[in-house]
Amino acid sequence: MATISRHRGVRILTLAAGDDLAALCAPGDIVLEKDGAGWWTRFVDEEGKVESYDAAFESYNKALWTAKAAAEFQAE
């Protein structure tokens, strides 16, 4: 089950194994998702398209702080 938090009014979802990103996320959401490469920070745009950085972060905390920084920018 995904964990949902908010930073500056922006939803940040941390997906659990097996969670469906498309089913849980809405435009404007930031998503943290783990796979074999590490923790991905993904962004859902206004049309529902998902983009992410070129590489995963090695830790959850680095991905989370990146998501919070992006939320600061997005909230302006």
PDB file of N, CA and C in Angstrom:
ATOM      1  N   MET A   1       0.838  -1.174   0.000  1.00  0.00           N
ATOM      2  CA  MET A   1       0.000   0.000   0.000  1.00  0.00           C
ATOM      3  C   MET A   1       0.894   1.252   0.000  1.00  0.00           C
ATOM      4  N   ALA A   2       0.575   2.180  -0.844  1.00  0.00           N
ATOM      5  CA  ALA A   2       1.350   3.412  -0.965  1.00  0.00           C
ATOM      6  C   ALA A   2       1.209   4.267   0.292  1.00  0.00           C
ATOM      7  N   THR A   3       2.285   4.962   0.610  1.00  0.00           N
ATOM      8  CA  THR A   3       2.272   5.941   1.689  1.00  0.00           C
ATOM      9  C   THR A   3       2.190   7.313   1.039  1.00  0.00           C
ATOM     10  N   ILE A   4       1.268   8.135   1.530  1.00  0.00           N
ATOM     11  CA  ILE A   4       1.073   9.462   0.946  1.00  0.00           C
ATOM     12  C   ILE A   4       1.429  10.516   1.984  1.00  0.00           C
ATOM     13  N   SER A   5       2.290  11.443   1.583  1.00  0.00           N
ATOM     14  CA  SER A   5       2.609  12.590   2.421  1.00  0.00           C
ATOM     15  C   SER A   5       2.442  13.839   1.563  1.00  0.00           C
ATOM     16  N   ARG A   6       2.513  14.982   2.199  1.00  0.00           N
ATOM     17  CA  ARG A   6       2.410  16.249   1.474  1.00  0.00           C
ATOM     18  C   ARG A   6       3.561  17.153   1.883  1.00  0.00           C
ATOM     19  N   HIS A   7       4.050  17.891   0.898  1.00  0.00           N
ATOM     20  CA  HIS A   7       5.055  18.914   1.169  1.00  0.00           C
ATOM     21  C   HIS A   7       4.674  20.131   0.347  1.00  0.00           C
ATOM     22  N   ARG A   8       4.423  21.237   1.026  1.00  0.00           N
ATOM     23  CA  ARG A   8       3.978  22.476   0.360  1.00  0.00           C
ATOM     24  C   ARG A   8       2.730  22.249  -0.492  1.00  0.00           C
ATOM     25  N   GLY A   9       1.872  21.339  -0.033  1.00  0.00           N
ATOM     26  CA  GLY A   9       0.625  21.064  -0.738  1.00  0.00           C
ATOM     27  C   GLY A   9       0.744  20.075  -1.883  1.00  0.00           C
ATOM     28  N   VAL A  10       1.944  19.593  -2.150  1.00  0.00           N
ATOM     29  CA  VAL A  10       2.172  18.636  -3.235  1.00  0.00           C
ATOM     30  C   VAL A  10       2.182  17.228  -2.646  1.00  0.00           C
ATOM     31  N   ARG A  11       1.433  16.329  -3.259  1.00  0.00           N
ATOM     32  CA  ARG A  11       1.417  14.941  -2.791  1.00  0.00           C
ATOM     33  C   ARG A  11       2.692  14.226  -3.210  1.00  0.00           C
ATOM     34  N   ILE A  12       3.286  13.531  -2.246  1.00  0.00           N
ATOM     35  CA  ILE A  12       4.443  12.678  -2.505  1.00  0.00           C
ATOM     36  C   ILE A  12       4.032  11.270  -2.109  1.00  0.00           C
ATOM     37  N   LEU A  13       3.999  10.373  -3.089  1.00  0.00           N
ATOM     38  CA  LEU A  13       3.596   8.991  -2.844  1.00  0.00           C
ATOM     39  C   LEU A  13       4.818   8.091  -2.855  1.00  0.00           C
ATOM     40  N   THR A  14       4.939   7.259  -1.837  1.00  0.00           N
ATOM     41  CA  THR A  14       5.966   6.229  -1.807  1.00  0.00           C
ATOM     42  C   THR A  14       5.263   4.916  -2.093  1.00  0.00           C
ATOM     43  N   LEU A  15       5.559   4.339  -3.245  1.00  0.00           N
ATOM     44  CA  LEU A  15       4.882   3.116  -3.656  1.00  0.00           C
ATOM     45  C   LEU A  15       5.499   1.898  -2.986  1.00  0.00           C
ATOM     46  N   ALA A  16       4.645   0.951  -2.643  1.00  0.00           N
ATOM     47  CA  ALA A  16       5.087  -0.345  -2.132  1.00  0.00           C
ATOM     48  C   ALA A  16       5.199  -1.300  -3.316  1.00  0.00           C
ATOM     49  N   ALA A  17       5.891  -2.395  -3.108  1.00  0.00           N
ATOM     50  CA  ALA A  17       6.023  -3.404  -4.167  1.00  0.00           C
ATOM     51  C   ALA A  17       4.641  -3.827  -4.641  1.00  0.00           C
ATOM     52  N   GLY A  18       4.446  -3.824  -5.942  1.00  0.00           N
ATOM     53  CA  GLY A  18       3.179  -4.241  -6.523  1.00  0.00           C
ATOM     54  C   GLY A  18       2.160  -3.131  -6.707  1.00  0.00           C
ATOM     55  N   ASP A  19       2.408  -1.946  -6.149  1.00  0.00           N
ATOM     56  CA  ASP A  19       1.481  -0.830  -6.342  1.00  0.00           C
ATOM     57  C   ASP A  19       1.504  -0.381  -7.801  1.00  0.00           C
ATOM     58  N   ASP A  20       0.338   0.012  -8.307  1.00  0.00           N
ATOM     59  CA  ASP A  20       0.199   0.464  -9.691  1.00  0.00           C
ATOM     60  C   ASP A  20       0.257   1.985  -9.737  1.00  0.00           C
ATOM     61  N   LEU A  21       1.338   2.516 -10.255  1.00  0.00           N
ATOM     62  CA  LEU A  21       1.534   3.954 -10.317  1.00  0.00           C
ATOM     63  C   LEU A  21       0.366   4.642 -11.010  1.00  0.00           C
ATOM     64  N   ALA A  22      -0.054   4.136 -12.142  1.00  0.00           N
ATOM     65  CA  ALA A  22      -1.125   4.770 -12.918  1.00  0.00           C
ATOM     66  C   ALA A  22      -2.443   4.805 -12.156  1.00  0.00           C
ATOM     67  N   ALA A  23      -2.706   3.797 -11.357  1.00  0.00           N
ATOM     68  CA  ALA A  23      -3.968   3.727 -10.622  1.00  0.00           C
ATOM     69  C   ALA A  23      -3.974   4.622  -9.385  1.00  0.00           C
ATOM     70  N   LEU A  24      -2.813   4.909  -8.829  1.00  0.00           N
ATOM     71  CA  LEU A  24      -2.740   5.632  -7.561  1.00  0.00           C
ATOM     72  C   LEU A  24      -2.411   7.107  -7.696  1.00  0.00           C
ATOM     73  N   CYS A  25      -1.816   7.502  -8.799  1.00  0.00           N
ATOM     74  CA  CYS A  25      -1.276   8.848  -8.918  1.00  0.00           C
ATOM     75  C   CYS A  25      -2.151   9.756  -9.764  1.00  0.00           C
ATOM     76  N   ALA A  26      -2.057  11.041  -9.441  1.00  0.00           N
ATOM     77  CA  ALA A  26      -2.815  12.068 -10.147  1.00  0.00           C
ATOM     78  C   ALA A  26      -1.837  13.110 -10.689  1.00  0.00           C
ATOM     79  N   PRO A  27      -2.281  13.921 -11.641  1.00  0.00           N
ATOM     80  CA  PRO A  27      -1.417  14.986 -12.145  1.00  0.00           C
ATOM     81  C   PRO A  27      -0.888  15.860 -11.007  1.00  0.00           C
ATOM     82  N   GLY A  28       0.393  16.184 -11.083  1.00  0.00           N
ATOM     83  CA  GLY A  28       1.037  17.004 -10.065  1.00  0.00           C
ATOM     84  C   GLY A  28       1.705  16.210  -8.958  1.00  0.00           C
ATOM     85  N   ASP A  29       1.446  14.910  -8.889  1.00  0.00           N
ATOM     86  CA  ASP A  29       2.049  14.070  -7.857  1.00  0.00           C
ATOM     87  C   ASP A  29       3.527  13.830  -8.137  1.00  0.00           C
ATOM     88  N   ILE A  30       4.260  13.618  -7.056  1.00  0.00           N
ATOM     89  CA  ILE A  30       5.641  13.152  -7.132  1.00  0.00           C
ATOM     90  C   ILE A  30       5.635  11.756  -6.531  1.00  0.00           C
ATOM     91  N   VAL A  31       6.317  10.839  -7.185  1.00  0.00           N
ATOM     92  CA  VAL A  31       6.265   9.432  -6.794  1.00  0.00           C
ATOM     93  C   VAL A  31       7.664   8.920  -6.494  1.00  0.00           C
ATOM     94  N   LEU A  32       7.792   8.190  -5.390  1.00  0.00           N
ATOM     95  CA  LEU A  32       9.032   7.498  -5.057  1.00  0.00           C
ATOM     96  C   LEU A  32       8.774   6.017  -5.239  1.00  0.00           C
ATOM     97  N   GLU A  33       9.623   5.387  -6.035  1.00  0.00           N
ATOM     98  CA  GLU A  33       9.413   3.976  -6.371  1.00  0.00           C
ATOM     99  C   GLU A  33      10.756   3.247  -6.380  1.00  0.00           C
ATOM    100  N   LYS A  34      10.808   2.113  -5.698  1.00  0.00           N
ATOM    101  CA  LYS A  34      12.052   1.341  -5.622  1.00  0.00           C
ATOM    102  C   LYS A  34      12.036   0.187  -6.612  1.00  0.00           C
ATOM    103  N   ASP A  35      13.177  -0.012  -7.258  1.00  0.00           N
ATOM    104  CA  ASP A  35      13.382  -1.211  -8.071  1.00  0.00           C
ATOM    105  C   ASP A  35      14.822  -1.672  -7.859  1.00  0.00           C
ATOM    106  N   GLY A  36      15.289  -2.573  -8.675  1.00  0.00           N
ATOM    107  CA  GLY A  36      16.623  -3.121  -8.514  1.00  0.00           C
ATOM    108  C   GLY A  36      17.746  -2.104  -8.621  1.00  0.00           C
ATOM    109  N   ALA A  37      17.497  -0.990  -9.289  1.00  0.00           N
ATOM    110  CA  ALA A  37      18.512   0.053  -9.463  1.00  0.00           C
ATOM    111  C   ALA A  37      18.572   1.014  -8.281  1.00  0.00           C
ATOM    112  N   GLY A  38      17.514   1.068  -7.479  1.00  0.00           N
ATOM    113  CA  GLY A  38      17.458   1.996  -6.354  1.00  0.00           C
ATOM    114  C   GLY A  38      16.109   2.690  -6.287  1.00  0.00           C
ATOM    115  N   TRP A  39      16.111   3.905  -5.759  1.00  0.00           N
ATOM    116  CA  TRP A  39      14.884   4.689  -5.581  1.00  0.00           C
ATOM    117  C   TRP A  39      14.741   5.726  -6.693  1.00  0.00           C
ATOM    118  N   TRP A  40      13.631   5.644  -7.410  1.00  0.00           N
ATOM    119  CA  TRP A  40      13.330   6.572  -8.502  1.00  0.00           C
ATOM    120  C   TRP A  40      12.420   7.679  -7.996  1.00  0.00           C
ATOM    121  N   THR A  41      12.686   8.896  -8.445  1.00  0.00           N
ATOM    122  CA  THR A  41      11.804  10.033  -8.197  1.00  0.00           C
ATOM    123  C   THR A  41      11.109  10.322  -9.515  1.00  0.00           C
ATOM    124  N   ARG A  42       9.785  10.156  -9.510  1.00  0.00           N
ATOM    125  CA  ARG A  42       9.005  10.306 -10.742  1.00  0.00           C
ATOM    126  C   ARG A  42       8.012  11.463 -10.579  1.00  0.00           C
ATOM    127  N   PHE A  43       7.669  12.068 -11.688  1.00  0.00           N
ATOM    128  CA  PHE A  43       6.787  13.223 -11.704  1.00  0.00           C
ATOM    129  C   PHE A  43       5.635  12.964 -12.662  1.00  0.00           C
ATOM    130  N   VAL A  44       4.409  13.220 -12.214  1.00  0.00           N
ATOM    131  CA  VAL A  44       3.221  13.029 -13.045  1.00  0.00           C
ATOM    132  C   VAL A  44       2.786  14.408 -13.536  1.00  0.00           C
ATOM    133  N   ASP A  45       2.803  14.607 -14.866  1.00  0.00           N
ATOM    134  CA  ASP A  45       2.438  15.921 -15.396  1.00  0.00           C
ATOM    135  C   ASP A  45       0.923  16.068 -15.518  1.00  0.00           C
ATOM    136  N   GLU A  46       0.496  17.214 -15.991  1.00  0.00           N
ATOM    137  CA  GLU A  46      -0.939  17.531 -16.061  1.00  0.00           C
ATOM    138  C   GLU A  46      -1.727  16.608 -16.982  1.00  0.00           C
ATOM    139  N   GLU A  47      -1.050  15.944 -17.894  1.00  0.00           N
ATOM    140  CA  GLU A  47      -1.722  15.018 -18.813  1.00  0.00           C
ATOM    141  C   GLU A  47      -1.589  13.568 -18.362  1.00  0.00           C
ATOM    142  N   GLY A  48      -0.982  13.358 -17.188  1.00  0.00           N
ATOM    143  CA  GLY A  48      -0.816  12.009 -16.666  1.00  0.00           C
ATOM    144  C   GLY A  48       0.447  11.302 -17.122  1.00  0.00           C
ATOM    145  N   LYS A  49       1.260  11.988 -17.912  1.00  0.00           N
ATOM    146  CA  LYS A  49       2.526  11.405 -18.373  1.00  0.00           C
ATOM    147  C   LYS A  49       3.525  11.398 -17.212  1.00  0.00           C
ATOM    148  N   VAL A  50       4.286  10.312 -17.106  1.00  0.00           N
ATOM    149  CA  VAL A  50       5.241  10.161 -16.011  1.00  0.00           C
ATOM    150  C   VAL A  50       6.662  10.328 -16.537  1.00  0.00           C
ATOM    151  N   GLU A  51       7.423  11.178 -15.860  1.00  0.00           N
ATOM    152  CA  GLU A  51       8.823  11.387 -16.197  1.00  0.00           C
ATOM    153  C   GLU A  51       9.651  11.162 -14.941  1.00  0.00           C
ATOM    154  N   SER A  52      10.924  10.864 -15.132  1.00  0.00           N
ATOM    155  CA  SER A  52      11.804  10.685 -13.980  1.00  0.00           C
ATOM    156  C   SER A  52      13.211  11.131 -14.344  1.00  0.00           C
ATOM    157  N   TYR A  53      14.048  11.204 -13.324  1.00  0.00           N
ATOM    158  CA  TYR A  53      15.452  11.509 -13.569  1.00  0.00           C
ATOM    159  C   TYR A  53      16.100  10.343 -14.306  1.00  0.00           C
ATOM    160  N   ASP A  54      17.302  10.568 -14.816  1.00  0.00           N
ATOM    161  CA  ASP A  54      18.002   9.552 -15.608  1.00  0.00           C
ATOM    162  C   ASP A  54      18.526   8.383 -14.792  1.00  0.00           C
ATOM    163  N   ALA A  55      18.666   8.565 -13.493  1.00  0.00           N
ATOM    164  CA  ALA A  55      19.215   7.504 -12.647  1.00  0.00           C
ATOM    165  C   ALA A  55      18.478   7.465 -11.315  1.00  0.00           C
ATOM    166  N   ALA A  56      18.470   6.294 -10.732  1.00  0.00           N
ATOM    167  CA  ALA A  56      17.854   6.113  -9.418  1.00  0.00           C
ATOM    168  C   ALA A  56      18.810   6.598  -8.329  1.00  0.00           C
ATOM    169  N   PHE A  57      18.242   6.958  -7.184  1.00  0.00           N
ATOM    170  CA  PHE A  57      19.050   7.310  -6.019  1.00  0.00           C
ATOM    171  C   PHE A  57      19.340   6.048  -5.225  1.00  0.00           C
ATOM    172  N   GLU A  58      20.487   6.031  -4.543  1.00  0.00           N
ATOM    173  CA  GLU A  58      20.861   4.834  -3.806  1.00  0.00           C
ATOM    174  C   GLU A  58      20.118   4.681  -2.484  1.00  0.00           C
ATOM    175  N   SER A  59      19.483   5.754  -2.010  1.00  0.00           N
ATOM    176  CA  SER A  59      18.749   5.643  -0.747  1.00  0.00           C
ATOM    177  C   SER A  59      17.388   6.327  -0.846  1.00  0.00           C
ATOM    178  N   TYR A  60      16.487   5.866  -0.004  1.00  0.00           N
ATOM    179  CA  TYR A  60      15.154   6.467   0.086  1.00  0.00           C
ATOM    180  C   TYR A  60      15.264   7.930   0.503  1.00  0.00           C
ATOM    181  N   ASN A  61      16.118   8.217   1.483  1.00  0.00           N
ATOM    182  CA  ASN A  61      16.223   9.586   1.983  1.00  0.00           C
ATOM    183  C   ASN A  61      16.667  10.565   0.902  1.00  0.00           C
ATOM    184  N   LYS A  62      17.598  10.172   0.054  1.00  0.00           N
ATOM    185  CA  LYS A  62      18.023  11.060  -1.035  1.00  0.00           C
ATOM    186  C   LYS A  62      16.884  11.291  -2.023  1.00  0.00           C
ATOM    187  N   ALA A  63      16.138  10.248  -2.329  1.00  0.00           N
ATOM    188  CA  ALA A  63      14.992  10.400  -3.229  1.00  0.00           C
ATOM    189  C   ALA A  63      13.926  11.290  -2.599  1.00  0.00           C
ATOM    190  N   LEU A  64      13.686  11.114  -1.304  1.00  0.00           N
ATOM    191  CA  LEU A  64      12.678  11.921  -0.611  1.00  0.00           C
ATOM    192  C   LEU A  64      13.079  13.391  -0.568  1.00  0.00           C
ATOM    193  N   TRP A  65      14.328  13.686  -0.238  1.00  0.00           N
ATOM    194  CA  TRP A  65      14.757  15.082  -0.192  1.00  0.00           C
ATOM    195  C   TRP A  65      14.714  15.722  -1.573  1.00  0.00           C
ATOM    196  N   THR A  66      14.990  14.955  -2.596  1.00  0.00           N
ATOM    197  CA  THR A  66      14.868  15.457  -3.962  1.00  0.00           C
ATOM    198  C   THR A  66      13.411  15.763  -4.280  1.00  0.00           C
ATOM    199  N   ALA A  67      12.512  14.882  -3.857  1.00  0.00           N
ATOM    200  CA  ALA A  67      11.079  15.103  -4.071  1.00  0.00           C
ATOM    201  C   ALA A  67      10.611  16.355  -3.337  1.00  0.00           C
ATOM    202  N   LYS A  68      11.083  16.549  -2.119  1.00  0.00           N
ATOM    203  CA  LYS A  68      10.696  17.741  -1.355  1.00  0.00           C
ATOM    204  C   LYS A  68      11.220  19.013  -2.007  1.00  0.00           C
ATOM    205  N   ALA A  69      12.432  18.967  -2.530  1.00  0.00           N
ATOM    206  CA  ALA A  69      12.976  20.136  -3.230  1.00  0.00           C
ATOM    207  C   ALA A  69      12.152  20.440  -4.474  1.00  0.00           C
ATOM    208  N   ALA A  70      11.762  19.406  -5.199  1.00  0.00           N
ATOM    209  CA  ALA A  70      10.917  19.602  -6.382  1.00  0.00           C
ATOM    210  C   ALA A  70       9.556  20.159  -5.986  1.00  0.00           C
ATOM    211  N   ALA A  71       9.019  19.710  -4.858  1.00  0.00           N
ATOM    212  CA  ALA A  71       7.727  20.218  -4.385  1.00  0.00           C
ATOM    213  C   ALA A  71       7.827  21.698  -4.029  1.00  0.00           C
ATOM    214  N   GLU A  72       8.946  22.111  -3.452  1.00  0.00           N
ATOM    215  CA  GLU A  72       9.159  23.535  -3.154  1.00  0.00           C
ATOM    216  C   GLU A  72       9.058  24.354  -4.439  1.00  0.00           C
ATOM    217  N   PHE A  73       9.722  23.903  -5.470  1.00  0.00           N
ATOM    218  CA  PHE A  73       9.714  24.592  -6.756  1.00  0.00           C
ATOM    219  C   PHE A  73       8.317  24.564  -7.374  1.00  0.00           C
ATOM    220  N   GLN A  74       7.659  23.410  -7.309  1.00  0.00           N
ATOM    221  CA  GLN A  74       6.337  23.237  -7.911  1.00  0.00           C
ATOM    222  C   GLN A  74       5.290  24.106  -7.220  1.00  0.00           C
ATOM    223  N   ALA A  75       5.458  24.348  -5.925  1.00  0.00           N
ATOM    224  CA  ALA A  75       4.472  25.102  -5.152  1.00  0.00           C
ATOM    225  C   ALA A  75       4.538  26.606  -5.407  1.00  0.00           C
ATOM    226  N   GLU A  76       5.618  27.084  -6.024  1.00  0.00           N
ATOM    227  CA  GLU A  76       5.759  28.529  -6.272  1.00  0.00           C
ATOM    228  C   GLU A  76       4.750  29.042  -7.258  1.00  0.00           C
TER     229      GLU A  76
END
